Amino acid sequence: MDKAVQSELHVRVRELVNQFLIDEFEADPDILRPDAAFRESLNLDSLDYVDMVVIIENVFGFKMKAEDFQNIRTFQDFYDFIARHQKTL
């Protein structure tokens, strides 16, 4: 994948992720910064993570497991994880 396509993919992933976090989890748009702490900023419970897995499958078309969240520290980690599993949007 060339850099322009990869960059466009990352931008699109970030937009889609931020939108579903705002719509489904009532996240404050001001906290959705790449360097912000993912778990601490969202303050989600275990059922919210289950919901998030379902949304990711529906929006992005791949299965994410609950244990995949273990290595996600920042929003950028989350965006990168989703982008790595995407071919195109």
PDB file of N, CA and C in Angstrom:
ATOM      1  N   MET A   1       0.863  -1.176   0.000  1.00  0.00           N
ATOM      2  CA  MET A   1       0.000   0.000   0.000  1.00  0.00           C
ATOM      3  C   MET A   1       0.904   1.232   0.000  1.00  0.00           C
ATOM      4  N   ASP A   2       0.677   2.160  -0.950  1.00  0.00           N
ATOM      5  CA  ASP A   2       1.532   3.336  -0.979  1.00  0.00           C
ATOM      6  C   ASP A   2       1.157   4.303   0.145  1.00  0.00           C
ATOM      7  N   LYS A   3       2.051   5.257   0.405  1.00  0.00           N
ATOM      8  CA  LYS A   3       1.881   6.145   1.566  1.00  0.00           C
ATOM      9  C   LYS A   3       0.639   7.018   1.473  1.00  0.00           C
ATOM     10  N   ALA A   4       0.275   7.467   0.286  1.00  0.00           N
ATOM     11  CA  ALA A   4      -0.917   8.310   0.139  1.00  0.00           C
ATOM     12  C   ALA A   4      -2.176   7.529   0.493  1.00  0.00           C
ATOM     13  N   VAL A   5      -2.266   6.298   0.020  1.00  0.00           N
ATOM     14  CA  VAL A   5      -3.424   5.452   0.320  1.00  0.00           C
ATOM     15  C   VAL A   5      -3.440   5.119   1.802  1.00  0.00           C
ATOM     16  N   GLN A   6      -2.281   4.810   2.363  1.00  0.00           N
ATOM     17  CA  GLN A   6      -2.185   4.485   3.780  1.00  0.00           C
ATOM     18  C   GLN A   6      -2.604   5.686   4.637  1.00  0.00           C
ATOM     19  N   SER A   7      -2.163   6.870   4.253  1.00  0.00           N
ATOM     20  CA  SER A   7      -2.520   8.085   4.988  1.00  0.00           C
ATOM     21  C   SER A   7      -4.020   8.345   4.908  1.00  0.00           C
ATOM     22  N   GLU A   8      -4.581   8.183   3.730  1.00  0.00           N
ATOM     23  CA  GLU A   8      -6.021   8.365   3.544  1.00  0.00           C
ATOM     24  C   GLU A   8      -6.805   7.350   4.381  1.00  0.00           C
ATOM     25  N   LEU A   9      -6.327   6.120   4.417  1.00  0.00           N
ATOM     26  CA  LEU A   9      -6.969   5.081   5.220  1.00  0.00           C
ATOM     27  C   LEU A   9      -6.950   5.460   6.698  1.00  0.00           C
ATOM     28  N   HIS A  10      -5.810   5.922   7.188  1.00  0.00           N
ATOM     29  CA  HIS A  10      -5.710   6.314   8.598  1.00  0.00           C
ATOM     30  C   HIS A  10      -6.655   7.468   8.931  1.00  0.00           C
ATOM     31  N   VAL A  11      -6.759   8.428   8.041  1.00  0.00           N
ATOM     32  CA  VAL A  11      -7.675   9.552   8.268  1.00  0.00           C
ATOM     33  C   VAL A  11      -9.111   9.054   8.320  1.00  0.00           C
ATOM     34  N   ARG A  12      -9.472   8.202   7.383  1.00  0.00           N
ATOM     35  CA  ARG A  12     -10.845   7.670   7.340  1.00  0.00           C
ATOM     36  C   ARG A  12     -11.146   6.817   8.572  1.00  0.00           C
ATOM     37  N   VAL A  13     -10.205   5.987   8.991  1.00  0.00           N
ATOM     38  CA  VAL A  13     -10.388   5.174  10.201  1.00  0.00           C
ATOM     39  C   VAL A  13     -10.612   6.083  11.397  1.00  0.00           C
ATOM     40  N   ARG A  14      -9.775   7.091  11.539  1.00  0.00           N
ATOM     41  CA  ARG A  14      -9.908   8.010  12.682  1.00  0.00           C
ATOM     42  C   ARG A  14     -11.281   8.676  12.684  1.00  0.00           C
ATOM     43  N   GLU A  15     -11.734   9.136  11.523  1.00  0.00           N
ATOM     44  CA  GLU A  15     -13.062   9.774  11.433  1.00  0.00           C
ATOM     45  C   GLU A  15     -14.172   8.816  11.841  1.00  0.00           C
ATOM     46  N   LEU A  16     -14.138   7.600  11.309  1.00  0.00           N
ATOM     47  CA  LEU A  16     -15.180   6.616  11.611  1.00  0.00           C
ATOM     48  C   LEU A  16     -15.165   6.203  13.079  1.00  0.00           C
ATOM     49  N   VAL A  17     -13.976   5.974  13.619  1.00  0.00           N
ATOM     50  CA  VAL A  17     -13.861   5.589  15.027  1.00  0.00           C
ATOM     51  C   VAL A  17     -14.385   6.709  15.917  1.00  0.00           C
ATOM     52  N   ASN A  18     -13.930   7.920  15.676  1.00  0.00           N
ATOM     53  CA  ASN A  18     -14.379   9.039  16.513  1.00  0.00           C
ATOM     54  C   ASN A  18     -15.892   9.204  16.429  1.00  0.00           C
ATOM     55  N   GLN A  19     -16.448   9.032  15.246  1.00  0.00           N
ATOM     56  CA  GLN A  19     -17.890   9.194  15.092  1.00  0.00           C
ATOM     57  C   GLN A  19     -18.656   8.150  15.887  1.00  0.00           C
ATOM     58  N   PHE A  20     -18.239   6.880  15.827  1.00  0.00           N
ATOM     59  CA  PHE A  20     -18.994   5.887  16.588  1.00  0.00           C
ATOM     60  C   PHE A  20     -18.756   6.030  18.083  1.00  0.00           C
ATOM     61  N   LEU A  21     -17.586   6.516  18.492  1.00  0.00           N
ATOM     62  CA  LEU A  21     -17.367   6.753  19.924  1.00  0.00           C
ATOM     63  C   LEU A  21     -18.271   7.871  20.438  1.00  0.00           C
ATOM     64  N   ILE A  22     -18.448   8.884  19.643  1.00  0.00           N
ATOM     65  CA  ILE A  22     -19.330  10.002  20.012  1.00  0.00           C
ATOM     66  C   ILE A  22     -20.788   9.549  19.997  1.00  0.00           C
ATOM     67  N   ASP A  23     -21.185   8.871  18.929  1.00  0.00           N
ATOM     68  CA  ASP A  23     -22.587   8.472  18.772  1.00  0.00           C
ATOM     69  C   ASP A  23     -23.009   7.379  19.749  1.00  0.00           C
ATOM     70  N   GLU A  24     -22.199   6.367  19.883  1.00  0.00           N
ATOM     71  CA  GLU A  24     -22.600   5.181  20.654  1.00  0.00           C
ATOM     72  C   GLU A  24     -22.207   5.235  22.126  1.00  0.00           C
ATOM     73  N   PHE A  25     -21.123   5.936  22.435  1.00  0.00           N
ATOM     74  CA  PHE A  25     -20.615   5.928  23.804  1.00  0.00           C
ATOM     75  C   PHE A  25     -20.600   7.323  24.427  1.00  0.00           C
ATOM     76  N   GLU A  26     -21.178   8.281  23.707  1.00  0.00           N
ATOM     77  CA  GLU A  26     -21.294   9.665  24.180  1.00  0.00           C
ATOM     78  C   GLU A  26     -19.950  10.244  24.606  1.00  0.00           C
ATOM     79  N   ALA A  27     -18.901   9.878  23.853  1.00  0.00           N
ATOM     80  CA  ALA A  27     -17.570  10.410  24.138  1.00  0.00           C
ATOM     81  C   ALA A  27     -17.530  11.893  23.800  1.00  0.00           C
ATOM     82  N   ASP A  28     -16.852  12.634  24.632  1.00  0.00           N
ATOM     83  CA  ASP A  28     -16.646  14.060  24.398  1.00  0.00           C
ATOM     84  C   ASP A  28     -15.626  14.196  23.263  1.00  0.00           C
ATOM     85  N   PRO A  29     -15.960  14.877  22.180  1.00  0.00           N
ATOM     86  CA  PRO A  29     -15.026  15.005  21.052  1.00  0.00           C
ATOM     87  C   PRO A  29     -13.676  15.596  21.458  1.00  0.00           C
ATOM     88  N   ASP A  30     -13.649  16.398  22.510  1.00  0.00           N
ATOM     89  CA  ASP A  30     -12.405  17.024  22.945  1.00  0.00           C
ATOM     90  C   ASP A  30     -11.398  16.030  23.507  1.00  0.00           C
ATOM     91  N   ILE A  31     -11.857  14.855  23.951  1.00  0.00           N
ATOM     92  CA  ILE A  31     -10.924  13.869  24.507  1.00  0.00           C
ATOM     93  C   ILE A  31     -10.359  12.947  23.439  1.00  0.00           C
ATOM     94  N   LEU A  32     -10.904  12.982  22.254  1.00  0.00           N
ATOM     95  CA  LEU A  32     -10.512  12.051  21.191  1.00  0.00           C
ATOM     96  C   LEU A  32      -9.261  12.557  20.465  1.00  0.00           C
ATOM     97  N   ARG A  33      -8.163  12.571  21.207  1.00  0.00           N
ATOM     98  CA  ARG A  33      -6.869  12.988  20.665  1.00  0.00           C
ATOM     99  C   ARG A  33      -5.981  11.760  20.533  1.00  0.00           C
ATOM    100  N   PRO A  34      -5.175  11.684  19.497  1.00  0.00           N
ATOM    101  CA  PRO A  34      -4.341  10.497  19.288  1.00  0.00           C
ATOM    102  C   PRO A  34      -3.487  10.113  20.496  1.00  0.00           C
ATOM    103  N   ASP A  35      -2.997  11.096  21.240  1.00  0.00           N
ATOM    104  CA  ASP A  35      -2.112  10.798  22.358  1.00  0.00           C
ATOM    105  C   ASP A  35      -2.844  10.577  23.683  1.00  0.00           C
ATOM    106  N   ALA A  36      -4.150  10.728  23.707  1.00  0.00           N
ATOM    107  CA  ALA A  36      -4.920  10.562  24.949  1.00  0.00           C
ATOM    108  C   ALA A  36      -5.023   9.089  25.325  1.00  0.00           C
ATOM    109  N   ALA A  37      -5.074   8.838  26.626  1.00  0.00           N
ATOM    110  CA  ALA A  37      -5.200   7.473  27.134  1.00  0.00           C
ATOM    111  C   ALA A  37      -6.584   6.923  26.776  1.00  0.00           C
ATOM    112  N   PHE A  38      -6.594   5.811  26.089  1.00  0.00           N
ATOM    113  CA  PHE A  38      -7.826   5.240  25.551  1.00  0.00           C
ATOM    114  C   PHE A  38      -8.809   4.850  26.659  1.00  0.00           C
ATOM    115  N   ARG A  39      -8.414   3.938  27.526  1.00  0.00           N
ATOM    116  CA  ARG A  39      -9.335   3.428  28.558  1.00  0.00           C
ATOM    117  C   ARG A  39      -9.750   4.502  29.551  1.00  0.00           C
ATOM    118  N   GLU A  40      -8.778   5.256  30.022  1.00  0.00           N
ATOM    119  CA  GLU A  40      -9.062   6.268  31.029  1.00  0.00           C
ATOM    120  C   GLU A  40      -9.967   7.377  30.480  1.00  0.00           C
ATOM    121  N   SER A  41      -9.775   7.736  29.230  1.00  0.00           N
ATOM    122  CA  SER A  41     -10.573   8.812  28.629  1.00  0.00           C
ATOM    123  C   SER A  41     -12.020   8.402  28.413  1.00  0.00           C
ATOM    124  N   LEU A  42     -12.225   7.151  28.010  1.00  0.00           N
ATOM    125  CA  LEU A  42     -13.581   6.693  27.699  1.00  0.00           C
ATOM    126  C   LEU A  42     -14.341   6.210  28.927  1.00  0.00           C
ATOM    127  N   ASN A  43     -13.612   5.641  29.897  1.00  0.00           N
ATOM    128  CA  ASN A  43     -14.238   5.150  31.123  1.00  0.00           C
ATOM    129  C   ASN A  43     -15.397   4.187  30.827  1.00  0.00           C
ATOM    130  N   LEU A  44     -15.134   3.185  29.994  1.00  0.00           N
ATOM    131  CA  LEU A  44     -16.148   2.218  29.592  1.00  0.00           C
ATOM    132  C   LEU A  44     -16.124   1.008  30.518  1.00  0.00           C
ATOM    133  N   ASP A  45     -17.271   0.362  30.666  1.00  0.00           N
ATOM    134  CA  ASP A  45     -17.305  -0.887  31.436  1.00  0.00           C
ATOM    135  C   ASP A  45     -17.164  -2.068  30.481  1.00  0.00           C
ATOM    136  N   SER A  46     -17.149  -3.273  31.028  1.00  0.00           N
ATOM    137  CA  SER A  46     -16.906  -4.462  30.207  1.00  0.00           C
ATOM    138  C   SER A  46     -17.985  -4.668  29.147  1.00  0.00           C
ATOM    139  N   LEU A  47     -19.223  -4.333  29.453  1.00  0.00           N
ATOM    140  CA  LEU A  47     -20.292  -4.465  28.454  1.00  0.00           C
ATOM    141  C   LEU A  47     -20.118  -3.467  27.310  1.00  0.00           C
ATOM    142  N   ASP A  48     -19.578  -2.296  27.626  1.00  0.00           N
ATOM    143  CA  ASP A  48     -19.292  -1.316  26.579  1.00  0.00           C
ATOM    144  C   ASP A  48     -18.256  -1.858  25.597  1.00  0.00           C
ATOM    145  N   TYR A  49     -17.272  -2.574  26.122  1.00  0.00           N
ATOM    146  CA  TYR A  49     -16.248  -3.150  25.237  1.00  0.00           C
ATOM    147  C   TYR A  49     -16.851  -4.230  24.334  1.00  0.00           C
ATOM    148  N   VAL A  50     -17.793  -4.990  24.861  1.00  0.00           N
ATOM    149  CA  VAL A  50     -18.494  -5.979  24.039  1.00  0.00           C
ATOM    150  C   VAL A  50     -19.251  -5.263  22.923  1.00  0.00           C
ATOM    151  N   ASP A  51     -19.938  -4.190  23.270  1.00  0.00           N
ATOM    152  CA  ASP A  51     -20.644  -3.391  22.264  1.00  0.00           C
ATOM    153  C   ASP A  51     -19.670  -2.846  21.224  1.00  0.00           C
ATOM    154  N   MET A  52     -18.507  -2.405  21.685  1.00  0.00           N
ATOM    155  CA  MET A  52     -17.522  -1.849  20.762  1.00  0.00           C
ATOM    156  C   MET A  52     -17.035  -2.908  19.779  1.00  0.00           C
ATOM    157  N   VAL A  53     -16.824  -4.123  20.246  1.00  0.00           N
ATOM    158  CA  VAL A  53     -16.405  -5.218  19.367  1.00  0.00           C
ATOM    159  C   VAL A  53     -17.444  -5.441  18.265  1.00  0.00           C
ATOM    160  N   VAL A  54     -18.713  -5.421  18.630  1.00  0.00           N
ATOM    161  CA  VAL A  54     -19.795  -5.606  17.655  1.00  0.00           C
ATOM    162  C   VAL A  54     -19.802  -4.463  16.644  1.00  0.00           C
ATOM    163  N   ILE A  55     -19.640  -3.237  17.131  1.00  0.00           N
ATOM    164  CA  ILE A  55     -19.627  -2.074  16.233  1.00  0.00           C
ATOM    165  C   ILE A  55     -18.450  -2.165  15.268  1.00  0.00           C
ATOM    166  N   ILE A  56     -17.289  -2.525  15.774  1.00  0.00           N
ATOM    167  CA  ILE A  56     -16.110  -2.642  14.904  1.00  0.00           C
ATOM    168  C   ILE A  56     -16.347  -3.680  13.810  1.00  0.00           C
ATOM    169  N   GLU A  57     -16.938  -4.788  14.186  1.00  0.00           N
ATOM    170  CA  GLU A  57     -17.238  -5.811  13.185  1.00  0.00           C
ATOM    171  C   GLU A  57     -18.203  -5.270  12.133  1.00  0.00           C
ATOM    172  N   ASN A  58     -19.230  -4.552  12.565  1.00  0.00           N
ATOM    173  CA  ASN A  58     -20.222  -4.018  11.631  1.00  0.00           C
ATOM    174  C   ASN A  58     -19.667  -2.896  10.755  1.00  0.00           C
ATOM    175  N   VAL A  59     -18.868  -2.014  11.330  1.00  0.00           N
ATOM    176  CA  VAL A  59     -18.364  -0.853  10.589  1.00  0.00           C
ATOM    177  C   VAL A  59     -17.158  -1.213   9.732  1.00  0.00           C
ATOM    178  N   PHE A  60     -16.252  -2.008  10.292  1.00  0.00           N
ATOM    179  CA  PHE A  60     -14.983  -2.261   9.625  1.00  0.00           C
ATOM    180  C   PHE A  60     -14.861  -3.653   9.014  1.00  0.00           C
ATOM    181  N   GLY A  61     -15.771  -4.561   9.354  1.00  0.00           N
ATOM    182  CA  GLY A  61     -15.818  -5.848   8.699  1.00  0.00           C
ATOM    183  C   GLY A  61     -14.793  -6.874   9.144  1.00  0.00           C
ATOM    184  N   PHE A  62     -14.254  -6.727  10.344  1.00  0.00           N
ATOM    185  CA  PHE A  62     -13.375  -7.766  10.867  1.00  0.00           C
ATOM    186  C   PHE A  62     -13.701  -7.991  12.337  1.00  0.00           C
ATOM    187  N   LYS A  63     -13.331  -9.161  12.818  1.00  0.00           N
ATOM    188  CA  LYS A  63     -13.613  -9.501  14.205  1.00  0.00           C
ATOM    189  C   LYS A  63     -12.470  -9.046  15.097  1.00  0.00           C
ATOM    190  N   MET A  64     -12.837  -8.379  16.155  1.00  0.00           N
ATOM    191  CA  MET A  64     -11.879  -7.959  17.171  1.00  0.00           C
ATOM    192  C   MET A  64     -12.240  -8.712  18.438  1.00  0.00           C
ATOM    193  N   LYS A  65     -11.237  -9.203  19.133  1.00  0.00           N
ATOM    194  CA  LYS A  65     -11.470  -9.922  20.379  1.00  0.00           C
ATOM    195  C   LYS A  65     -11.220  -8.985  21.556  1.00  0.00           C
ATOM    196  N   ALA A  66     -11.835  -9.280  22.661  1.00  0.00           N
ATOM    197  CA  ALA A  66     -11.673  -8.453  23.856  1.00  0.00           C
ATOM    198  C   ALA A  66     -10.196  -8.332  24.240  1.00  0.00           C
ATOM    199  N   GLU A  67      -9.435  -9.403  24.082  1.00  0.00           N
ATOM    200  CA  GLU A  67      -8.026  -9.352  24.462  1.00  0.00           C
ATOM    201  C   GLU A  67      -7.200  -8.437  23.561  1.00  0.00           C
ATOM    202  N   ASP A  68      -7.718  -8.089  22.388  1.00  0.00           N
ATOM    203  CA  ASP A  68      -7.017  -7.147  21.513  1.00  0.00           C
ATOM    204  C   ASP A  68      -6.892  -5.775  22.172  1.00  0.00           C
ATOM    205  N   PHE A  69      -7.774  -5.456  23.093  1.00  0.00           N
ATOM    206  CA  PHE A  69      -7.735  -4.160  23.770  1.00  0.00           C
ATOM    207  C   PHE A  69      -6.566  -4.063  24.759  1.00  0.00           C
ATOM    208  N   GLN A  70      -5.965  -5.178  25.135  1.00  0.00           N
ATOM    209  CA  GLN A  70      -4.883  -5.173  26.119  1.00  0.00           C
ATOM    210  C   GLN A  70      -3.691  -4.332  25.684  1.00  0.00           C
ATOM    211  N   ASN A  71      -3.402  -4.304  24.404  1.00  0.00           N
ATOM    212  CA  ASN A  71      -2.242  -3.559  23.907  1.00  0.00           C
ATOM    213  C   ASN A  71      -2.590  -2.153  23.438  1.00  0.00           C
ATOM    214  N   ILE A  72      -3.818  -1.753  23.611  1.00  0.00           N
ATOM    215  CA  ILE A  72      -4.243  -0.424  23.176  1.00  0.00           C
ATOM    216  C   ILE A  72      -4.160   0.526  24.366  1.00  0.00           C
ATOM    217  N   ARG A  73      -3.218   1.449  24.286  1.00  0.00           N
ATOM    218  CA  ARG A  73      -3.014   2.411  25.372  1.00  0.00           C
ATOM    219  C   ARG A  73      -3.586   3.791  25.018  1.00  0.00           C
ATOM    220  N   THR A  74      -3.412   4.185  23.773  1.00  0.00           N
ATOM    221  CA  THR A  74      -3.850   5.509  23.333  1.00  0.00           C
ATOM    222  C   THR A  74      -4.863   5.370  22.200  1.00  0.00           C
ATOM    223  N   PHE A  75      -5.503   6.466  21.873  1.00  0.00           N
ATOM    224  CA  PHE A  75      -6.422   6.448  20.731  1.00  0.00           C
ATOM    225  C   PHE A  75      -5.647   6.132  19.454  1.00  0.00           C
ATOM    226  N   GLN A  76      -4.405   6.612  19.353  1.00  0.00           N
ATOM    227  CA  GLN A  76      -3.607   6.310  18.163  1.00  0.00           C
ATOM    228  C   GLN A  76      -3.371   4.807  18.038  1.00  0.00           C
ATOM    229  N   ASP A  77      -3.129   4.134  19.169  1.00  0.00           N
ATOM    230  CA  ASP A  77      -2.989   2.670  19.138  1.00  0.00           C
ATOM    231  C   ASP A  77      -4.253   2.027  18.570  1.00  0.00           C
ATOM    232  N   PHE A  78      -5.397   2.546  18.979  1.00  0.00           N
ATOM    233  CA  PHE A  78      -6.684   2.012  18.524  1.00  0.00           C
ATOM    234  C   PHE A  78      -6.873   2.253  17.029  1.00  0.00           C
ATOM    235  N   TYR A  79      -6.591   3.480  16.584  1.00  0.00           N
ATOM    236  CA  TYR A  79      -6.695   3.791  15.149  1.00  0.00           C
ATOM    237  C   TYR A  79      -5.756   2.888  14.341  1.00  0.00           C
ATOM    238  N   ASP A  80      -4.527   2.732  14.823  1.00  0.00           N
ATOM    239  CA  ASP A  80      -3.539   1.922  14.106  1.00  0.00           C
ATOM    240  C   ASP A  80      -3.973   0.455  14.044  1.00  0.00           C
ATOM    241  N   PHE A  81      -4.497  -0.064  15.149  1.00  0.00           N
ATOM    242  CA  PHE A  81      -4.960  -1.446  15.174  1.00  0.00           C
ATOM    243  C   PHE A  81      -6.023  -1.668  14.097  1.00  0.00           C
ATOM    244  N   ILE A  82      -6.994  -0.765  14.044  1.00  0.00           N
ATOM    245  CA  ILE A  82      -8.075  -0.913  13.061  1.00  0.00           C
ATOM    246  C   ILE A  82      -7.530  -0.753  11.641  1.00  0.00           C
ATOM    247  N   ALA A  83      -6.670   0.224  11.421  1.00  0.00           N
ATOM    248  CA  ALA A  83      -6.113   0.448  10.091  1.00  0.00           C
ATOM    249  C   ALA A  83      -5.314  -0.772   9.608  1.00  0.00           C
ATOM    250  N   ARG A  84      -4.586  -1.431  10.521  1.00  0.00           N
ATOM    251  CA  ARG A  84      -3.805  -2.614  10.144  1.00  0.00           C
ATOM    252  C   ARG A  84      -4.685  -3.752   9.660  1.00  0.00           C
ATOM    253  N   HIS A  85      -5.911  -3.785  10.127  1.00  0.00           N
ATOM    254  CA  HIS A  85      -6.831  -4.878   9.768  1.00  0.00           C
ATOM    255  C   HIS A  85      -7.716  -4.508   8.576  1.00  0.00           C
ATOM    256  N   GLN A  86      -7.515  -3.343   8.022  1.00  0.00           N
ATOM    257  CA  GLN A  86      -8.328  -2.862   6.888  1.00  0.00           C
ATOM    258  C   GLN A  86      -7.562  -2.975   5.591  1.00  0.00           C
ATOM    259  N   LYS A  87      -8.246  -3.292   4.564  1.00  0.00           N
ATOM    260  CA  LYS A  87      -7.669  -3.223   3.216  1.00  0.00           C
ATOM    261  C   LYS A  87      -8.070  -1.900   2.569  1.00  0.00           C
ATOM    262  N   THR A  88      -9.378  -1.629   2.575  1.00  0.00           N
ATOM    263  CA  THR A  88      -9.909  -0.369   2.051  1.00  0.00           C
ATOM    264  C   THR A  88     -11.168  -0.037   2.821  1.00  0.00           C
ATOM    265  N   LEU A  89     -11.552   1.201   2.792  1.00  0.00           N
ATOM    266  CA  LEU A  89     -12.812   1.634   3.394  1.00  0.00           C
ATOM    267  C   LEU A  89     -13.698   2.237   2.336  1.00  0.00           C
TER     268      LEU A  89
END
